[in-house]
Protein backbone atom coordinates (compact mmCIF):
# COMPACT_ATOMS: atom_id res chain seq x y z
CA MET A 1 10.20 18.88 -8.94
CA ARG A 2 9.82 15.91 -6.74
CA ILE A 3 8.31 12.57 -8.03
CA LEU A 4 7.03 9.29 -6.46
CA HIS A 5 7.33 6.06 -8.51
CA THR A 6 4.81 3.38 -7.61
CA SER A 7 3.13 0.28 -9.46
CA ASP A 8 1.28 -2.77 -9.42
CA TRP A 9 -1.46 -2.12 -6.76
CA HIS A 10 -3.68 -4.61 -8.04
CA LEU A 11 -6.80 -3.34 -6.30
CA GLY A 12 -9.31 -5.76 -5.91
CA GLN A 13 -6.83 -8.80 -5.46
CA ARG A 14 -7.86 -11.89 -3.56
CA LEU A 15 -5.51 -14.43 -1.83
CA VAL A 16 -7.14 -17.85 -1.82
CA ASN A 17 -10.44 -16.25 -2.50
CA LEU A 18 -10.21 -13.62 0.74
CA GLU A 19 -10.17 -9.74 -0.40
CA ARG A 20 -7.26 -7.54 0.35
CA THR A 21 -9.33 -4.54 0.73
CA GLU A 22 -7.92 -3.58 4.14
CA GLU A 23 -4.39 -4.09 3.20
CA HIS A 24 -4.69 -1.83 0.17
CA GLN A 25 -6.40 0.81 2.26
CA CYS A 26 -3.74 1.00 4.91
CA PHE A 27 -1.07 1.14 1.53
CA LEU A 28 -3.39 4.24 0.06
CA ASP A 29 -3.58 6.06 3.46
CA TRP A 30 0.24 5.37 4.07
CA LEU A 31 0.74 6.77 0.39
CA LEU A 32 -1.35 9.75 0.79
CA GLN A 33 0.49 10.76 4.21
CA THR A 34 3.95 10.01 2.39
CA ILE A 35 3.12 12.43 -0.63
CA GLU A 36 2.16 15.08 2.14
CA GLN A 37 5.28 14.49 4.36
CA GLU A 38 7.83 14.25 1.37
CA GLN A 39 6.07 17.24 -0.79
CA VAL A 40 5.57 15.20 -3.52
CA GLU A 41 4.56 17.09 -6.88
CA VAL A 42 4.20 13.94 -9.08
CA LEU A 43 2.69 10.78 -8.54
CA LEU A 44 3.86 8.13 -11.39
CA MET A 45 1.72 4.90 -11.45
CA SER A 46 2.91 2.35 -13.76
CA GLY A 47 0.24 0.08 -14.49
CA ASP A 48 -1.84 -2.70 -13.04
CA VAL A 49 -4.10 -0.42 -11.05
CA PHE A 50 -6.29 -3.42 -10.68
CA ASP A 51 -5.98 -6.84 -10.38
CA THR A 52 -8.64 -7.92 -13.21
CA GLY A 53 -10.14 -6.25 -16.28
CA ALA A 54 -13.40 -6.16 -14.50
CA PRO A 55 -12.73 -4.52 -11.13
CA SER A 56 -15.44 -4.87 -8.27
CA ASN A 57 -17.28 -1.75 -6.74
CA THR A 58 -15.18 -1.99 -3.66
CA ALA A 59 -11.93 -1.83 -5.86
CA LEU A 60 -13.43 1.13 -8.06
CA LYS A 61 -14.45 2.97 -5.28
CA GLN A 62 -11.03 2.58 -3.33
CA TYR A 63 -9.38 3.87 -6.46
CA TYR A 64 -11.69 6.98 -7.00
CA SER A 65 -11.70 7.74 -3.37
CA PHE A 66 -7.80 7.83 -3.13
CA LEU A 67 -7.56 10.00 -6.43
CA THR A 68 -10.18 12.51 -4.87
CA ARG A 69 -8.13 12.78 -1.91
CA VAL A 70 -4.76 13.38 -3.60
CA CYS A 71 -6.09 16.25 -5.32
CA SER A 72 -6.42 18.32 -2.06
CA THR A 73 -2.63 17.71 -1.27
CA CYS A 74 0.68 19.06 -2.60
CA CYS A 75 0.58 16.82 -5.50
CA ARG A 76 -0.13 18.71 -8.79
CA HIS A 77 0.28 16.10 -11.25
CA ILE A 78 -0.67 12.14 -11.41
CA ILE A 79 -0.05 10.15 -14.41
CA ILE A 80 -1.51 6.53 -14.48
CA THR A 81 -0.83 3.84 -17.24
CA GLY A 82 -2.53 0.67 -17.89
CA GLY A 83 -0.88 -2.53 -17.02
CA ASN A 84 -1.70 -6.25 -18.65
CA HIS A 85 -4.17 -6.60 -15.82
CA ASP A 86 -5.91 -3.64 -16.53
CA SER A 87 -8.72 -3.18 -18.93
CA VAL A 88 -8.08 -0.17 -21.17
CA SER A 89 -11.77 0.86 -21.41
CA THR A 90 -12.07 0.91 -17.51
CA LEU A 91 -9.07 2.72 -17.13
CA ASN A 92 -10.13 5.42 -19.73
CA ALA A 93 -13.78 5.77 -19.17
CA PRO A 94 -13.35 8.97 -16.57
CA LYS A 95 -10.38 10.31 -18.81
CA GLU A 96 -11.58 13.63 -19.67
CA LEU A 97 -13.03 14.31 -16.20
CA LEU A 98 -9.81 13.33 -14.54
CA ASP A 99 -7.93 15.47 -17.11
CA CYS A 100 -9.70 18.68 -15.22
CA LEU A 101 -8.06 17.80 -12.13
CA HIS A 102 -4.62 17.29 -13.45
CA ILE A 103 -4.73 13.42 -13.60
CA LYS A 104 -3.75 11.86 -16.81
CA VAL A 105 -4.65 8.40 -17.82
CA VAL A 106 -3.11 6.43 -20.57
CA GLY A 107 -5.03 2.89 -20.57
CA GLY A 108 -3.57 1.53 -23.70
CA ALA A 109 -1.71 2.47 -26.76
CA THR A 110 -3.39 4.62 -29.63
CA ASP A 111 -2.59 5.21 -33.10
CA ASN A 112 -1.15 8.38 -32.15
CA LEU A 113 2.16 8.36 -29.98
CA LEU A 114 2.05 12.03 -28.99
CA ASP A 115 -1.10 10.75 -26.94
CA GLU A 116 1.53 9.25 -24.58
CA LEU A 117 3.87 12.41 -24.53
CA ILE A 118 2.69 14.63 -21.47
CA GLU A 119 4.10 17.91 -20.33
CA LEU A 120 4.13 18.81 -16.99
CA HIS A 121 4.13 22.48 -15.54
CA ASP A 122 4.76 24.15 -12.53
CA ALA A 123 2.45 26.85 -10.57
CA GLN A 124 3.67 29.51 -12.67
CA GLY A 125 3.23 27.87 -15.90
CA ARG A 126 6.79 26.98 -16.53
CA LEU A 127 7.41 23.41 -18.27
CA GLN A 128 9.23 21.43 -15.62
CA LEU A 129 9.26 17.83 -16.88
CA VAL A 130 8.13 15.61 -19.75
CA VAL A 131 6.70 11.98 -19.53
CA CYS A 132 6.78 9.34 -21.97
CA ALA A 133 3.77 7.69 -20.50
CA VAL A 134 3.75 4.22 -22.28
CA PRO A 135 1.09 1.67 -21.21
CA PHE A 136 1.33 -2.13 -21.13
CA LEU A 137 1.95 -2.95 -24.91
CA ARG A 138 -0.22 -5.79 -26.02
CA ASP A 139 0.95 -7.77 -29.09
CA ARG A 140 -1.51 -6.32 -31.55
CA ASP A 141 0.10 -2.98 -30.32
CA VAL A 142 3.95 -4.00 -31.30
CA ARG A 143 3.72 -6.85 -34.11
CA LEU A 144 1.70 -7.90 -36.86
CA SER A 145 1.11 -11.78 -37.03
CA VAL A 146 2.82 -13.66 -39.63
CA ALA A 147 1.52 -16.96 -40.97
CA GLY A 148 4.09 -19.72 -40.10
CA GLU A 149 6.42 -17.42 -38.36
CA THR A 150 8.48 -19.82 -35.60
CA TYR A 151 8.90 -18.91 -31.97
CA GLU A 152 12.36 -17.24 -32.44
CA GLU A 153 11.00 -15.15 -35.09
CA ARG A 154 7.82 -14.16 -32.91
CA GLU A 155 10.22 -13.25 -30.01
CA GLN A 156 12.44 -10.98 -31.98
CA ARG A 157 9.64 -9.13 -33.75
CA ILE A 158 7.88 -8.44 -30.08
CA LYS A 159 11.30 -7.38 -29.09
CA GLN A 160 11.68 -5.29 -31.90
CA GLY A 161 8.18 -3.86 -31.58
CA ILE A 162 8.66 -2.88 -27.83
CA ALA A 163 12.08 -1.02 -28.45
CA ALA A 164 10.61 0.75 -31.63
CA HIS A 165 7.97 2.50 -29.41
CA TYR A 166 10.21 3.65 -27.06
CA GLN A 167 12.79 4.80 -29.87
CA ALA A 168 9.93 6.60 -31.89
CA PHE A 169 9.82 9.26 -29.09
CA VAL A 170 13.56 10.29 -29.45
CA PRO A 171 12.86 12.87 -32.59
CA HIS A 172 9.98 14.40 -30.19
CA LEU A 173 12.19 14.76 -27.17
CA GLN A 174 15.13 16.76 -28.64
CA PRO A 175 13.55 20.10 -28.33
CA TYR A 176 12.77 19.26 -24.76
CA LYS A 177 16.69 18.10 -24.29
CA ALA A 178 17.93 21.27 -25.72
CA GLN A 179 16.27 23.28 -23.04
CA GLN A 180 17.21 20.84 -20.17
CA VAL A 181 14.00 19.63 -19.48
CA PRO A 182 14.19 16.11 -17.91
CA VAL A 183 12.47 13.34 -19.47
CA VAL A 184 10.92 10.27 -17.78
CA ALA A 185 9.69 7.35 -19.59
CA MET A 186 7.29 4.61 -18.10
CA GLY A 187 6.51 1.20 -18.96
CA HIS A 188 4.74 -2.05 -17.90
CA LEU A 189 6.90 -4.87 -19.31
CA PHE A 190 9.57 -7.59 -18.45
CA ALA A 191 12.93 -6.10 -18.90
CA ALA A 192 15.73 -8.66 -19.32
CA GLY A 193 17.28 -9.51 -16.17
CA GLY A 194 14.52 -8.94 -14.02
CA THR A 195 13.48 -10.96 -11.05
CA ALA A 196 10.00 -12.22 -10.94
CA SER A 197 7.94 -14.02 -7.84
CA ASP A 198 5.41 -16.28 -9.03
CA SER A 199 2.35 -13.76 -8.79
CA GLU A 200 2.98 -12.12 -12.11
CA LYS A 201 0.96 -13.01 -14.97
CA GLU A 202 2.95 -13.54 -18.04
CA ILE A 203 2.92 -11.18 -20.78
CA HIS A 204 3.52 -10.70 -24.41
CA VAL A 205 3.01 -14.42 -24.92
CA GLY A 206 5.03 -16.18 -22.35
CA ASN A 207 7.22 -12.97 -21.51
CA LEU A 208 9.11 -13.12 -24.98
CA GLY A 209 9.05 -9.02 -25.00
CA GLN A 210 12.11 -9.00 -22.63
CA ILE A 211 13.96 -5.84 -23.79
CA GLY A 212 17.24 -4.88 -22.30
CA ALA A 213 18.42 -1.95 -20.28
CA ASP A 214 20.39 -0.70 -23.33
CA GLN A 215 17.37 -0.39 -25.61
CA PHE A 216 15.89 2.32 -23.63
CA PRO A 217 16.85 5.70 -25.34
CA ALA A 218 19.59 7.72 -23.85
CA GLU A 219 17.34 10.56 -23.77
CA PHE A 220 15.32 8.96 -20.84
CA ASP A 221 16.69 10.47 -17.50
CA TYR A 222 14.54 7.73 -15.37
CA VAL A 223 12.43 4.82 -16.52
CA ALA A 224 9.62 4.24 -14.15
CA LEU A 225 8.65 0.75 -14.96
CA GLY A 226 6.01 -1.81 -13.59
CA HIS A 227 4.91 -5.26 -13.79
CA LEU A 228 7.52 -7.41 -11.61
CA HIS A 229 6.44 -7.35 -8.03
CA ARG A 230 10.11 -7.11 -6.82
CA PRO A 231 11.85 -3.76 -6.34
CA GLN A 232 14.83 -3.90 -8.55
CA GLN A 233 17.00 -2.17 -10.91
CA VAL A 234 17.27 -3.52 -14.36
CA ASN A 235 20.72 -5.01 -14.97
CA LYS A 236 21.98 -2.56 -12.08
CA THR A 237 21.24 0.44 -14.30
CA HIS A 238 20.73 3.05 -11.62
CA HIS A 239 17.74 5.15 -13.65
CA ILE A 240 15.52 2.07 -14.73
CA ARG A 241 13.80 0.50 -12.02
CA TYR A 242 10.99 -1.50 -11.10
CA SER A 243 9.13 -0.17 -7.88
CA GLY A 244 7.38 -3.49 -7.12
CA SER A 245 3.79 -4.08 -5.93
CA PRO A 246 3.06 -2.20 -2.66
CA ILE A 247 1.85 -5.42 -0.74
CA PRO A 248 3.03 -9.01 -1.28
CA LEU A 249 0.44 -10.46 -3.79
CA SER A 250 1.54 -14.15 -3.36
CA PHE A 251 3.21 -16.14 -0.58
CA SER A 252 6.35 -16.20 -2.67
CA GLU A 253 6.87 -12.48 -1.81
CA VAL A 254 6.52 -13.20 1.99
CA THR A 255 10.63 -11.92 2.43
CA ASP A 256 10.31 -9.33 0.04
CA LYS A 257 10.80 -5.45 1.32
CA LYS A 258 8.04 -3.34 -0.45
CA LEU A 259 8.84 0.23 -1.49
CA VAL A 260 8.47 3.43 -3.48
CA TYR A 261 10.99 5.66 -4.92
CA ILE A 262 11.25 9.06 -4.41
CA LEU A 263 13.03 11.12 -7.39
CA ASP A 264 14.70 14.72 -7.35
CA PHE A 265 15.20 16.49 -10.43
CA GLU A 266 17.13 19.76 -10.36
CA ASP A 267 18.79 21.77 -13.63
CA GLY A 268 17.56 19.01 -15.80
CA LYS A 269 18.92 16.05 -14.36
CA LEU A 270 18.01 13.26 -11.66
CA ALA A 271 19.92 14.66 -8.71
CA GLY A 272 18.15 12.36 -6.13
CA LEU A 273 16.80 8.91 -5.75
CA ARG A 274 15.38 7.67 -2.34
CA GLU A 275 13.68 4.10 -1.24
CA LEU A 276 10.58 4.54 0.92
CA GLU A 277 9.85 1.23 2.59
CA VAL A 278 6.01 0.70 2.46
CA PRO A 279 5.14 -0.81 6.01
CA TYR A 280 3.27 -4.15 6.19
CA SER A 281 -0.25 -4.11 7.67
CA ARG A 282 -0.62 -7.78 7.23
CA LYS A 283 2.16 -10.32 7.35
CA LEU A 284 2.33 -13.33 5.38
CA ILE A 285 4.21 -16.24 6.67
CA ARG A 286 5.43 -19.62 5.34
CA ILE A 287 5.67 -22.62 7.55
CA LYS A 288 7.43 -25.80 6.68
CA GLY A 289 8.93 -28.83 8.63
CA ALA A 290 8.49 -31.64 11.01
CA LEU A 291 4.82 -31.56 12.80
CA ASP A 292 6.46 -30.15 16.15
CA LYS A 293 8.25 -27.77 14.70
CA VAL A 294 5.62 -26.43 12.73
CA LYS A 295 3.42 -26.50 15.70
CA GLN A 296 6.21 -24.53 17.85
CA GLN A 297 6.56 -21.82 15.22
CA LEU A 298 2.79 -21.37 15.07
CA ALA A 299 2.45 -21.49 18.91
CA VAL A 300 5.49 -18.72 19.36
CA TYR A 301 4.33 -16.41 16.29
CA ASP A 302 4.29 -12.86 17.59
CA ASN A 303 1.88 -10.45 15.33
CA SER A 304 2.14 -7.38 17.75
CA GLY A 305 3.89 -5.20 15.07
CA TYR A 306 0.66 -5.65 12.26
CA SER A 307 -2.62 -4.05 12.31
CA LEU A 308 -4.26 -7.01 10.70
CA ILE A 309 -4.08 -10.62 11.63
CA ALA A 310 -1.37 -12.89 9.80
CA TRP A 311 -2.26 -15.19 6.93
CA ALA A 312 -0.09 -18.51 6.97
CA GLU A 313 0.72 -21.17 4.27
CA VAL A 314 1.70 -24.46 6.13
CA GLN A 315 3.12 -27.69 4.74
CA VAL A 316 4.11 -30.45 7.23
CA GLU A 317 6.80 -32.99 6.48
CA LEU A 318 5.49 -36.63 7.75
CA GLU A 319 7.34 -40.09 7.66
CA THR A 320 3.79 -41.52 7.24
CA PRO A 321 0.36 -40.20 6.65
CA LEU A 322 -1.34 -38.78 9.96
CA PRO A 323 -5.03 -38.95 10.06
CA ASP A 324 -5.59 -36.28 12.71
CA LEU A 325 -3.11 -33.72 11.34
CA ASN A 326 -5.69 -31.17 10.58
CA GLN A 327 -7.13 -31.55 14.10
CA GLN A 328 -3.93 -31.20 15.74
CA LEU A 329 -3.11 -27.90 13.50
CA GLU A 330 -6.79 -26.54 14.50
CA GLU A 331 -5.98 -27.26 18.33
CA VAL A 332 -2.88 -25.03 17.93
CA LEU A 333 -4.57 -22.18 16.00
CA LYS A 334 -7.47 -21.99 18.37
CA LEU A 335 -5.14 -20.43 20.67
CA LYS A 336 -3.71 -18.05 18.23
CA PRO A 337 -6.54 -15.71 16.85
CA GLU A 338 -3.87 -13.51 15.31
CA ILE A 339 -3.16 -16.43 12.61
CA GLU A 340 -5.10 -17.61 10.01
CA MET A 341 -4.29 -20.67 7.85
CA LEU A 342 -5.04 -19.75 4.39
CA ILE A 343 -3.16 -22.63 2.52
CA HIS A 344 -2.62 -25.96 4.10
CA ARG A 345 -0.60 -27.73 1.41
CA PRO A 346 -0.78 -31.60 1.39
CA PRO A 347 1.56 -32.74 3.74
CA VAL A 348 5.28 -34.00 2.21
CA ILE A 349 5.80 -37.92 3.06
CA GLN A 350 9.22 -39.20 2.62
CA LEU A 351 9.78 -40.28 -1.07
CA GLN A 352 10.64 -44.08 -0.38
CA ARG A 353 7.43 -44.49 1.06
CA GLN A 354 5.27 -42.45 -1.00
CA THR A 355 2.82 -44.04 -3.54
CA LEU A 356 1.88 -42.35 -6.64
CA GLU A 357 -1.30 -41.19 -5.52
CA GLN A 358 0.25 -39.40 -2.64
CA GLN A 359 3.20 -37.87 -4.97
CA VAL A 360 0.08 -36.39 -7.33
CA GLU A 361 -1.80 -35.29 -4.16
CA GLN A 362 1.06 -33.51 -2.85
CA GLU A 363 1.73 -31.36 -5.95
CA ALA A 364 -1.92 -30.86 -6.71
CA ASP A 365 -3.09 -27.60 -5.25
CA LEU A 366 -5.57 -25.77 -7.50
CA HIS A 367 -5.64 -22.59 -5.01
CA THR A 368 -2.20 -21.85 -6.05
CA LEU A 369 -1.68 -23.57 -9.66
CA ARG A 370 -2.19 -20.82 -12.50
CA GLU A 371 -3.80 -21.86 -15.61
CA LYS A 372 -0.58 -22.36 -17.60
CA ASP A 373 0.83 -24.51 -14.68
CA VAL A 374 -2.00 -26.85 -15.16
CA PHE A 375 -1.54 -26.83 -18.94
CA LEU A 376 2.38 -27.42 -18.40
CA LYS A 377 1.59 -30.60 -16.29
CA ARG A 378 -0.69 -31.94 -19.17
CA CYS A 379 2.12 -31.46 -21.62
CA GLU A 380 4.75 -33.17 -19.68
CA SER A 381 2.38 -35.94 -18.94
CA VAL A 382 1.34 -36.23 -22.80
CA TYR A 383 4.77 -35.15 -24.29
CA PRO A 384 7.58 -36.19 -21.57
CA ASP A 385 10.46 -35.91 -23.74
CA GLY A 386 9.09 -32.92 -25.69
CA ASP A 387 9.94 -29.26 -25.90
CA HIS A 388 6.77 -27.30 -24.91
CA GLN A 389 7.76 -23.87 -25.86
CA GLU A 390 5.83 -23.52 -28.95
CA LEU A 391 2.62 -24.98 -27.13
CA LEU A 392 2.98 -22.76 -24.43
CA ALA A 393 3.39 -19.60 -26.40
CA THR A 394 0.29 -20.52 -28.23
CA PHE A 395 -1.63 -21.17 -24.85
CA SER A 396 -0.57 -17.79 -23.49
CA GLU A 397 -1.59 -16.07 -26.63
CA LEU A 398 -5.07 -17.83 -26.17
CA LEU A 399 -5.38 -16.97 -22.40
CA GLU A 400 -4.68 -13.23 -23.53
CA LEU A 401 -7.15 -13.33 -26.09
CA MET A 402 -9.94 -14.72 -23.66
CA GLY A 403 -9.10 -12.07 -21.33
CA GLN A 404 -9.29 -9.08 -23.87
CA GLY A 405 -12.70 -10.74 -25.01
CA LYS A 406 -13.89 -10.51 -21.49
CA GLU A 407 -13.05 -6.80 -21.25
CA SER A 408 -15.05 -5.95 -24.26
């Protein structure tokens, strides 16, 4: 049986308030073509289908249109789990209808663990694969709040709760393992040792729930993870992997390779694992340096390998403030219609000549700061010598509760 592992589509995402619809459509078209070319039988999507809990009509249409098209391909089974960006109710709303199309959706954890245990059969009805389709586990799914618990105690309880959720599958998997039926687990979490970019939203209250590769049961033949946007193995463990996001979701990912994994199972074992690189439809570019260098790099940029215009983040290094800086950059960009400057960061001025106001202005860019970044800056200004972990954890928990309130 051949499986394709993907995650973190973030349909409906905006970058500096510009929609990514065209890029996502290019990816979905490529994914559909890849499923046909590779004769994929099972598609696993490990969370963060959408970028927000209340996706736009355009994002919803894109999602359902893709599922409709996949149903007419060789792909017999699709399993979709919810991520920390997804609304459980939005994903689960068409659950019964999608079941009829062999599309299984697990938007969130329920009281019955077996809701996440999915058997997949071939055209002759023979059992071929078992999937433990674990969605993003919210704090309420893995721990009970204890009044007065410390930061360390909270961290330990979250880790134990996530690990226990996966361990709870083990008794149910023994009959399948006895029949040499392979078992694949899914998850949307921050595993210990993972490498993040700056576009992942923190989960489990400040990323506390980082479980190690050794805490996934040995009964899992492959673990298909989502949440981290860079494709990677977990602690160099061959069968535990993040597929990463299919498009760069921030300028911190401009050099990342985007991919999906193709898995082949034979005789009950993982017999093959390949990476397929996702082609970029739009290039994100970062340019930083002296003004002449920035202007030259913009002028010589070649966008011929991409179907969409490039988006640029630019920051100029100056010795003294330059009043017509924006005008000079705009003149260069007029001759380069294939580049749009999305972010023009305040120029870097040599430190010895900076005023305090210039230093603050240089750091402040609300287009790129997250809520937690703003809160952290406030903590550092009020308590410059303090440990902010407890405050940050509480703030993260409040953010999550606010997000859940918007979904309901």
